[in-house]
Amino acid sequence: MTYAADRLWEEVAYVAYYLHWAFESIVDLEHPVRRRLISEIGHIHTRLAE
């Protein structure tokens, strides 16, 4: 099963926006690692917004 291209782009854009990482660095991450980063960024963003 392949990962949906639209979802991958969304994840890459999210991480790039918040961490300012290069596209290649984000795409090279294993999916579980990328999802964990997204989760942690979301938690940080939520705490800062409170």
C-alpha atoms as a PDB file:
ATOM      1  CA  MET A   1       0.000   0.000   0.000  1.00  0.00           C
ATOM      2  CA  THR A   2       1.351   3.433  -0.876  1.00  0.00           C
ATOM      3  CA  TYR A   3       0.862   6.533   1.179  1.00  0.00           C
ATOM      4  CA  ALA A   4      -1.525   9.051  -0.367  1.00  0.00           C
ATOM      5  CA  ALA A   5       0.450  11.751  -2.163  1.00  0.00           C
ATOM      6  CA  ASP A   6      -1.852  14.534  -0.937  1.00  0.00           C
ATOM      7  CA  ARG A   7      -1.423  13.435   2.675  1.00  0.00           C
ATOM      8  CA  LEU A   8       2.364  13.260   2.287  1.00  0.00           C
ATOM      9  CA  TRP A   9       2.458  16.810   0.890  1.00  0.00           C
ATOM     10  CA  GLU A  10       0.301  18.009   3.788  1.00  0.00           C
ATOM     11  CA  GLU A  11       2.660  16.428   6.323  1.00  0.00           C
ATOM     12  CA  VAL A  12       5.759  17.799   4.612  1.00  0.00           C
ATOM     13  CA  ALA A  13       4.278  21.304   4.456  1.00  0.00           C
ATOM     14  CA  TYR A  14       3.304  21.182   8.135  1.00  0.00           C
ATOM     15  CA  VAL A  15       6.747  20.127   9.344  1.00  0.00           C
ATOM     16  CA  ALA A  16       8.520  22.510   6.948  1.00  0.00           C
ATOM     17  CA  TYR A  17       6.362  25.426   8.112  1.00  0.00           C
ATOM     18  CA  TYR A  18       7.013  24.886  11.805  1.00  0.00           C
ATOM     19  CA  LEU A  19      10.571  23.532  11.801  1.00  0.00           C
ATOM     20  CA  HIS A  20      11.917  25.135   8.610  1.00  0.00           C
ATOM     21  CA  TRP A  21      13.414  21.838   7.468  1.00  0.00           C
ATOM     22  CA  ALA A  22      14.241  21.070   3.846  1.00  0.00           C
ATOM     23  CA  PHE A  23      11.790  19.034   1.784  1.00  0.00           C
ATOM     24  CA  GLU A  24      14.283  16.195   1.309  1.00  0.00           C
ATOM     25  CA  SER A  25      14.934  15.912   5.036  1.00  0.00           C
ATOM     26  CA  ILE A  26      11.248  15.570   5.819  1.00  0.00           C
ATOM     27  CA  VAL A  27      10.450  13.140   3.010  1.00  0.00           C
ATOM     28  CA  ASP A  28      13.377  10.930   4.052  1.00  0.00           C
ATOM     29  CA  LEU A  29      11.862  10.420   7.503  1.00  0.00           C
ATOM     30  CA  GLU A  30      10.149   7.120   8.184  1.00  0.00           C
ATOM     31  CA  HIS A  31       6.390   7.557   8.321  1.00  0.00           C
ATOM     32  CA  PRO A  32       6.046   6.844  12.078  1.00  0.00           C
ATOM     33  CA  VAL A  33       8.769   9.392  12.855  1.00  0.00           C
ATOM     34  CA  ARG A  34       7.137  12.027  10.656  1.00  0.00           C
ATOM     35  CA  ARG A  35       3.733  11.373  12.280  1.00  0.00           C
ATOM     36  CA  ARG A  36       5.302  11.690  15.752  1.00  0.00           C
ATOM     37  CA  LEU A  37       6.873  15.025  14.808  1.00  0.00           C
ATOM     38  CA  ILE A  38       3.516  16.248  13.552  1.00  0.00           C
ATOM     39  CA  SER A  39       1.870  15.183  16.794  1.00  0.00           C
ATOM     40  CA  GLU A  40       4.501  16.913  18.921  1.00  0.00           C
ATOM     41  CA  ILE A  41       4.345  20.106  16.845  1.00  0.00           C
ATOM     42  CA  GLY A  42       0.571  20.084  17.296  1.00  0.00           C
ATOM     43  CA  HIS A  43       0.903  19.744  21.074  1.00  0.00           C
ATOM     44  CA  ILE A  44       3.400  22.594  21.226  1.00  0.00           C
ATOM     45  CA  HIS A  45       1.207  24.781  19.020  1.00  0.00           C
ATOM     46  CA  THR A  46      -1.833  24.069  21.212  1.00  0.00           C
ATOM     47  CA  ARG A  47       0.043  24.908  24.426  1.00  0.00           C
ATOM     48  CA  LEU A  48       1.368  28.168  22.984  1.00  0.00           C
ATOM     49  CA  ALA A  49      -2.103  29.171  21.805  1.00  0.00           C
ATOM     50  CA  GLU A  50      -3.588  28.791  25.291  1.00  0.00           C
END
